Structures are given as structure tokens and as C-alpha cells.
């Protein structure tokens, strides 16, 4: 099981497009959840940070199994739209920052249920 949290920088001036992207995901949660199965994604959460300097970051927190499909390989329409928003909003010149996993607090019985599939 992999537990990760990564920070990505939003392109300057794309805050309203990020609003649209996150609303799109929230509006289509049933379809989003279907795509997580192939990725062996047990938990995926997006956090948003806006700083006093106007900088904006998105953080992806995930708990997933090994060997899942990459979202880039998906043919599902929701993933294609998600990646289109990604290309429009994420600053590719900023190197993503993987936060260090220090403690994972998931009870063993929950972990067992997560990795059964």
C-alpha cells in the first residue's frame, strides 16, 4: 500500500479554472469513483492552498495499492476531462513536491479491507 501527498503549483491566473475543475469532479463523483477501481486507488483527496502572496497549490493525498493503472492510460471520459483540466491548470515548470510520509494511521482491519480487491 502506498500513501502519498504531493504538492503541485497552479499556473498563474488559473484560479477560476481550478474552481471549475474541482466543481466538475464534485459534480461527477459517481463516475470519478468508478475510475479509482482500475487505479487501485483506495483514497484520493485534493487539497487547495492559497497563500498571502497569491500563490496557489493543489495537494494530492492518496492511499493506493501497487500495480494500478495510471490515470494517463485510462480511456474513461471522466479521466480524459480531468487530464484536460490538469494540462490547463498545473504549472509544469514547477517540480512537484512529494511530502515525506512520517506516520500512517490506518487500523490493520481497515487496511485488510482496502487491499482485498
N, C-alpha and C. Protein backbone atom coordinates (compact mmCIF):
# COMPACT_ATOMS: atom_id res chain seq x y z
N UNK A 1 0.84 -1.17 0.00
CA UNK A 1 0.00 0.00 0.00
C UNK A 1 0.89 1.24 0.00
N UNK A 2 0.57 2.20 -0.86
CA UNK A 2 1.32 3.44 -0.97
C UNK A 2 0.49 4.60 -0.44
N UNK A 3 1.08 5.38 0.45
CA UNK A 3 0.42 6.57 0.99
C UNK A 3 1.26 7.75 0.57
N UNK A 4 0.65 8.68 -0.16
CA UNK A 4 1.40 9.79 -0.73
C UNK A 4 0.64 11.10 -0.58
N UNK A 5 1.43 12.18 -0.54
CA UNK A 5 0.88 13.53 -0.61
C UNK A 5 1.86 14.36 -1.42
N UNK A 6 1.38 14.93 -2.51
CA UNK A 6 2.23 15.68 -3.43
C UNK A 6 1.63 17.05 -3.69
N UNK A 7 2.52 18.06 -3.72
CA UNK A 7 2.10 19.45 -3.97
C UNK A 7 2.42 19.82 -5.42
N UNK A 8 1.42 20.42 -6.07
CA UNK A 8 1.57 20.92 -7.44
C UNK A 8 1.21 22.40 -7.46
N UNK A 9 1.92 23.17 -8.26
CA UNK A 9 1.66 24.60 -8.36
C UNK A 9 0.67 24.85 -9.50
N UNK A 10 -0.29 25.72 -9.23
CA UNK A 10 -1.28 26.12 -10.23
C UNK A 10 -0.67 27.24 -11.07
N UNK A 11 -0.95 27.20 -12.37
CA UNK A 11 -0.49 28.26 -13.26
C UNK A 11 -1.09 29.59 -12.83
N UNK A 12 -0.30 30.62 -12.99
CA UNK A 12 -0.76 31.99 -12.68
C UNK A 12 -2.04 32.30 -13.47
N UNK A 13 -3.02 32.87 -12.79
CA UNK A 13 -4.26 33.29 -13.45
C UNK A 13 -5.27 32.18 -13.71
N UNK A 14 -5.04 30.99 -13.18
CA UNK A 14 -5.93 29.87 -13.46
C UNK A 14 -6.82 29.50 -12.27
N UNK A 15 -6.92 30.37 -11.31
CA UNK A 15 -7.71 30.07 -10.12
C UNK A 15 -9.17 29.77 -10.45
N UNK A 16 -9.76 30.55 -11.33
CA UNK A 16 -11.17 30.29 -11.67
C UNK A 16 -11.33 28.98 -12.44
N UNK A 17 -10.32 28.61 -13.23
CA UNK A 17 -10.37 27.34 -13.94
C UNK A 17 -10.23 26.18 -12.93
N UNK A 18 -9.44 26.38 -11.87
CA UNK A 18 -9.34 25.37 -10.81
C UNK A 18 -10.69 25.24 -10.11
N UNK A 19 -11.36 26.36 -9.86
CA UNK A 19 -12.72 26.31 -9.29
C UNK A 19 -13.61 25.40 -10.14
N UNK A 20 -13.56 25.62 -11.45
CA UNK A 20 -14.38 24.84 -12.39
C UNK A 20 -14.00 23.36 -12.35
N UNK A 21 -12.69 23.08 -12.32
CA UNK A 21 -12.18 21.71 -12.29
C UNK A 21 -12.67 20.96 -11.05
N UNK A 22 -12.48 21.59 -9.88
CA UNK A 22 -12.87 20.93 -8.64
C UNK A 22 -14.38 20.75 -8.56
N UNK A 23 -15.13 21.72 -9.08
CA UNK A 23 -16.59 21.58 -9.13
C UNK A 23 -16.98 20.44 -10.06
N UNK A 24 -16.29 20.35 -11.20
CA UNK A 24 -16.54 19.25 -12.14
C UNK A 24 -16.36 17.90 -11.44
N UNK A 25 -15.26 17.73 -10.72
CA UNK A 25 -15.02 16.47 -10.01
C UNK A 25 -16.11 16.22 -8.97
N UNK A 26 -16.45 17.24 -8.20
CA UNK A 26 -17.51 17.07 -7.19
C UNK A 26 -18.86 16.75 -7.82
N UNK A 27 -19.15 17.34 -8.96
CA UNK A 27 -20.43 17.10 -9.64
C UNK A 27 -20.53 15.71 -10.25
N UNK A 28 -19.38 15.07 -10.47
CA UNK A 28 -19.36 13.76 -11.14
C UNK A 28 -18.73 12.67 -10.26
N UNK A 29 -18.90 12.78 -8.97
CA UNK A 29 -18.28 11.82 -8.04
C UNK A 29 -18.60 10.36 -8.37
N UNK A 30 -19.84 9.99 -8.73
CA UNK A 30 -20.08 8.58 -9.05
C UNK A 30 -19.17 8.07 -10.18
N UNK A 31 -18.97 8.88 -11.21
CA UNK A 31 -18.10 8.49 -12.31
C UNK A 31 -16.64 8.49 -11.88
N UNK A 32 -16.26 9.47 -11.07
CA UNK A 32 -14.88 9.53 -10.56
C UNK A 32 -14.57 8.26 -9.77
N UNK A 33 -15.49 7.85 -8.91
CA UNK A 33 -15.25 6.68 -8.07
C UNK A 33 -15.09 5.40 -8.89
N UNK A 34 -15.79 5.31 -10.01
CA UNK A 34 -15.65 4.15 -10.89
C UNK A 34 -14.21 4.05 -11.41
N UNK A 35 -13.62 5.17 -11.75
CA UNK A 35 -12.27 5.15 -12.33
C UNK A 35 -11.20 4.78 -11.30
N UNK A 36 -11.48 4.99 -10.03
CA UNK A 36 -10.49 4.69 -8.99
C UNK A 36 -10.22 3.20 -8.87
N UNK A 37 -11.18 2.38 -9.21
CA UNK A 37 -11.02 0.92 -9.11
C UNK A 37 -9.81 0.44 -9.91
N UNK A 38 -9.71 0.85 -11.18
CA UNK A 38 -8.61 0.40 -12.03
C UNK A 38 -7.26 0.93 -11.57
N UNK A 39 -7.28 2.06 -10.89
CA UNK A 39 -6.04 2.65 -10.39
C UNK A 39 -5.61 2.04 -9.05
N UNK A 40 -6.44 1.15 -8.50
CA UNK A 40 -6.24 0.61 -7.16
C UNK A 40 -6.10 1.76 -6.15
N UNK A 41 -6.90 2.78 -6.37
CA UNK A 41 -6.90 3.97 -5.52
C UNK A 41 -7.97 3.78 -4.45
N UNK A 42 -7.53 3.64 -3.21
CA UNK A 42 -8.45 3.43 -2.11
C UNK A 42 -9.00 4.74 -1.57
N UNK A 43 -8.12 5.75 -1.53
CA UNK A 43 -8.50 7.09 -1.06
C UNK A 43 -7.76 8.09 -1.92
N UNK A 44 -8.47 9.08 -2.43
CA UNK A 44 -7.83 10.18 -3.14
C UNK A 44 -8.53 11.46 -2.73
N UNK A 45 -7.75 12.41 -2.28
CA UNK A 45 -8.28 13.68 -1.80
C UNK A 45 -7.44 14.80 -2.38
N UNK A 46 -8.09 15.86 -2.83
CA UNK A 46 -7.38 17.03 -3.33
C UNK A 46 -7.58 18.16 -2.33
N UNK A 47 -6.46 18.75 -1.90
CA UNK A 47 -6.49 19.92 -1.03
C UNK A 47 -6.03 21.12 -1.84
N UNK A 48 -6.52 22.28 -1.45
CA UNK A 48 -6.18 23.51 -2.16
C UNK A 48 -5.58 24.49 -1.16
N UNK A 49 -4.50 25.16 -1.57
CA UNK A 49 -3.86 26.17 -0.72
C UNK A 49 -3.71 27.47 -1.50
N UNK A 50 -4.14 28.54 -0.88
CA UNK A 50 -3.92 29.89 -1.42
C UNK A 50 -3.10 30.64 -0.38
N UNK A 51 -2.01 31.24 -0.80
CA UNK A 51 -1.15 31.94 0.15
C UNK A 51 -1.40 33.44 0.09
N UNK A 52 -0.82 34.15 1.05
CA UNK A 52 -0.94 35.62 1.09
C UNK A 52 -0.32 36.26 -0.15
N UNK A 53 0.65 35.59 -0.76
CA UNK A 53 1.31 36.10 -1.95
C UNK A 53 0.50 35.82 -3.22
N UNK A 54 -0.63 35.20 -3.06
CA UNK A 54 -1.48 34.87 -4.20
C UNK A 54 -1.09 33.58 -4.88
N UNK A 55 -0.07 32.91 -4.38
CA UNK A 55 0.32 31.63 -4.96
C UNK A 55 -0.74 30.60 -4.61
N UNK A 56 -0.93 29.67 -5.50
CA UNK A 56 -1.94 28.65 -5.28
C UNK A 56 -1.34 27.29 -5.57
N UNK A 57 -1.64 26.34 -4.69
CA UNK A 57 -1.15 24.97 -4.82
C UNK A 57 -2.30 24.00 -4.65
N UNK A 58 -2.18 22.87 -5.32
CA UNK A 58 -3.08 21.75 -5.10
C UNK A 58 -2.24 20.60 -4.56
N UNK A 59 -2.79 19.92 -3.56
CA UNK A 59 -2.13 18.78 -2.94
C UNK A 59 -2.97 17.55 -3.22
N UNK A 60 -2.33 16.49 -3.68
CA UNK A 60 -3.00 15.22 -3.88
C UNK A 60 -2.57 14.29 -2.76
N UNK A 61 -3.54 13.84 -1.97
CA UNK A 61 -3.29 12.85 -0.93
C UNK A 61 -3.93 11.56 -1.41
N UNK A 62 -3.18 10.47 -1.37
CA UNK A 62 -3.75 9.22 -1.83
C UNK A 62 -3.24 8.03 -1.02
N UNK A 63 -4.10 7.04 -0.97
CA UNK A 63 -3.77 5.72 -0.42
C UNK A 63 -4.16 4.76 -1.52
N UNK A 64 -3.17 4.02 -2.02
CA UNK A 64 -3.46 3.14 -3.15
C UNK A 64 -2.65 1.86 -3.08
N UNK A 65 -3.13 0.90 -3.81
CA UNK A 65 -2.42 -0.37 -3.93
C UNK A 65 -1.37 -0.28 -5.03
N UNK A 66 -0.48 -1.22 -5.04
CA UNK A 66 0.55 -1.24 -6.06
C UNK A 66 0.03 -1.89 -7.34
N UNK A 67 0.53 -1.43 -8.47
CA UNK A 67 0.21 -2.05 -9.74
C UNK A 67 -1.07 -1.56 -10.39
N UNK A 68 -1.63 -0.46 -9.91
CA UNK A 68 -2.84 0.08 -10.53
C UNK A 68 -2.54 0.79 -11.83
N UNK A 69 -3.58 1.00 -12.63
CA UNK A 69 -3.46 1.71 -13.89
C UNK A 69 -3.16 3.18 -13.64
N UNK A 70 -2.31 3.77 -14.46
CA UNK A 70 -2.07 5.21 -14.40
C UNK A 70 -3.26 5.93 -15.02
N UNK A 71 -3.62 7.06 -14.45
CA UNK A 71 -4.76 7.82 -14.97
C UNK A 71 -4.53 8.20 -16.43
N UNK A 72 -3.28 8.41 -16.82
CA UNK A 72 -2.96 8.78 -18.20
C UNK A 72 -3.30 7.66 -19.19
N UNK A 73 -3.41 6.43 -18.71
CA UNK A 73 -3.72 5.29 -19.58
C UNK A 73 -5.21 5.00 -19.66
N UNK A 74 -6.00 5.71 -18.90
CA UNK A 74 -7.44 5.47 -18.85
C UNK A 74 -8.13 5.99 -20.11
N UNK A 75 -9.14 5.26 -20.55
CA UNK A 75 -9.98 5.68 -21.68
C UNK A 75 -11.31 6.26 -21.19
N UNK A 76 -11.52 6.31 -19.89
CA UNK A 76 -12.79 6.80 -19.34
C UNK A 76 -12.91 8.31 -19.58
N UNK A 77 -14.10 8.74 -19.97
CA UNK A 77 -14.30 10.15 -20.29
C UNK A 77 -13.99 11.07 -19.12
N UNK A 78 -14.25 10.63 -17.89
CA UNK A 78 -14.01 11.49 -16.73
C UNK A 78 -12.52 11.73 -16.56
N UNK A 79 -11.71 10.71 -16.80
CA UNK A 79 -10.26 10.86 -16.70
C UNK A 79 -9.71 11.75 -17.80
N UNK A 80 -10.27 11.63 -18.99
CA UNK A 80 -9.82 12.49 -20.10
C UNK A 80 -10.10 13.96 -19.78
N UNK A 81 -11.27 14.25 -19.22
CA UNK A 81 -11.60 15.63 -18.86
C UNK A 81 -10.73 16.10 -17.69
N UNK A 82 -10.51 15.22 -16.74
CA UNK A 82 -9.65 15.53 -15.59
C UNK A 82 -8.25 15.90 -16.07
N UNK A 83 -7.70 15.14 -17.01
CA UNK A 83 -6.36 15.43 -17.53
C UNK A 83 -6.34 16.70 -18.37
N UNK A 84 -7.43 17.02 -19.04
CA UNK A 84 -7.51 18.29 -19.78
C UNK A 84 -7.43 19.47 -18.81
N UNK A 85 -8.17 19.38 -17.70
CA UNK A 85 -8.07 20.43 -16.67
C UNK A 85 -6.65 20.49 -16.12
N UNK A 86 -6.06 19.32 -15.87
CA UNK A 86 -4.69 19.25 -15.36
C UNK A 86 -3.74 20.04 -16.27
N UNK A 87 -3.81 19.75 -17.57
CA UNK A 87 -2.92 20.42 -18.53
C UNK A 87 -3.14 21.93 -18.53
N UNK A 88 -4.38 22.34 -18.35
CA UNK A 88 -4.70 23.76 -18.39
C UNK A 88 -4.31 24.48 -17.09
N UNK A 89 -4.30 23.77 -15.97
CA UNK A 89 -4.15 24.42 -14.67
C UNK A 89 -2.81 24.20 -13.97
N UNK A 90 -2.15 23.10 -14.19
CA UNK A 90 -0.95 22.78 -13.41
C UNK A 90 0.30 23.32 -14.10
N UNK A 91 1.12 24.01 -13.33
CA UNK A 91 2.37 24.60 -13.81
C UNK A 91 3.42 23.49 -13.93
N UNK A 92 3.74 23.12 -15.15
CA UNK A 92 4.69 22.02 -15.37
C UNK A 92 6.14 22.43 -15.15
N UNK A 93 6.41 23.73 -15.07
CA UNK A 93 7.79 24.17 -14.82
C UNK A 93 8.14 24.10 -13.33
N UNK A 94 7.14 23.94 -12.48
CA UNK A 94 7.34 23.78 -11.04
C UNK A 94 7.45 22.29 -10.75
N UNK A 95 8.55 21.89 -10.17
CA UNK A 95 8.74 20.47 -9.86
C UNK A 95 7.82 20.08 -8.70
N UNK A 96 6.94 19.08 -8.90
CA UNK A 96 6.05 18.65 -7.81
C UNK A 96 6.85 18.25 -6.58
N UNK A 97 6.29 18.52 -5.42
CA UNK A 97 6.95 18.21 -4.16
C UNK A 97 6.22 17.07 -3.48
N UNK A 98 6.92 15.95 -3.30
CA UNK A 98 6.37 14.83 -2.55
C UNK A 98 6.66 15.05 -1.07
N UNK A 99 5.61 15.19 -0.28
CA UNK A 99 5.80 15.35 1.14
C UNK A 99 6.21 14.01 1.74
N UNK A 100 7.02 14.07 2.76
CA UNK A 100 7.53 12.85 3.39
C UNK A 100 6.44 12.21 4.26
N UNK A 101 6.20 10.94 4.03
CA UNK A 101 5.25 10.20 4.86
C UNK A 101 5.95 9.87 6.17
N UNK A 102 5.42 10.37 7.26
CA UNK A 102 6.05 10.17 8.57
C UNK A 102 5.32 9.12 9.40
N UNK A 103 4.00 9.12 9.37
CA UNK A 103 3.20 8.17 10.14
C UNK A 103 1.95 7.85 9.34
N UNK A 104 1.64 6.58 9.24
CA UNK A 104 0.40 6.14 8.59
C UNK A 104 -0.47 5.51 9.67
N UNK A 105 -1.63 6.09 9.88
CA UNK A 105 -2.52 5.61 10.94
C UNK A 105 -3.80 5.05 10.32
N UNK A 106 -3.69 3.84 9.84
CA UNK A 106 -4.84 3.12 9.30
C UNK A 106 -4.89 1.79 10.03
N UNK A 107 -5.95 1.55 10.79
CA UNK A 107 -6.03 0.29 11.52
C UNK A 107 -5.88 -0.91 10.58
N UNK A 108 -5.25 -1.97 11.08
CA UNK A 108 -4.98 -3.17 10.29
C UNK A 108 -6.25 -3.72 9.65
N UNK A 109 -7.36 -3.74 10.38
CA UNK A 109 -8.59 -4.31 9.81
C UNK A 109 -9.10 -3.47 8.63
N UNK A 110 -8.86 -2.17 8.67
CA UNK A 110 -9.24 -1.31 7.54
C UNK A 110 -8.29 -1.54 6.37
N UNK A 111 -7.00 -1.64 6.64
CA UNK A 111 -6.02 -1.93 5.59
C UNK A 111 -6.35 -3.24 4.88
N UNK A 112 -6.73 -4.25 5.65
CA UNK A 112 -7.07 -5.55 5.04
C UNK A 112 -8.24 -5.45 4.10
N UNK A 113 -9.25 -4.68 4.46
CA UNK A 113 -10.40 -4.49 3.61
C UNK A 113 -10.00 -3.72 2.36
N UNK A 114 -9.13 -2.74 2.52
CA UNK A 114 -8.71 -1.92 1.38
C UNK A 114 -7.98 -2.73 0.33
N UNK A 115 -7.12 -3.62 0.74
CA UNK A 115 -6.27 -4.34 -0.22
C UNK A 115 -6.83 -5.68 -0.67
N UNK A 116 -8.03 -6.03 -0.26
CA UNK A 116 -8.64 -7.31 -0.64
C UNK A 116 -8.91 -7.42 -2.12
N UNK A 117 -9.14 -6.32 -2.79
CA UNK A 117 -9.53 -6.38 -4.21
C UNK A 117 -8.36 -6.61 -5.10
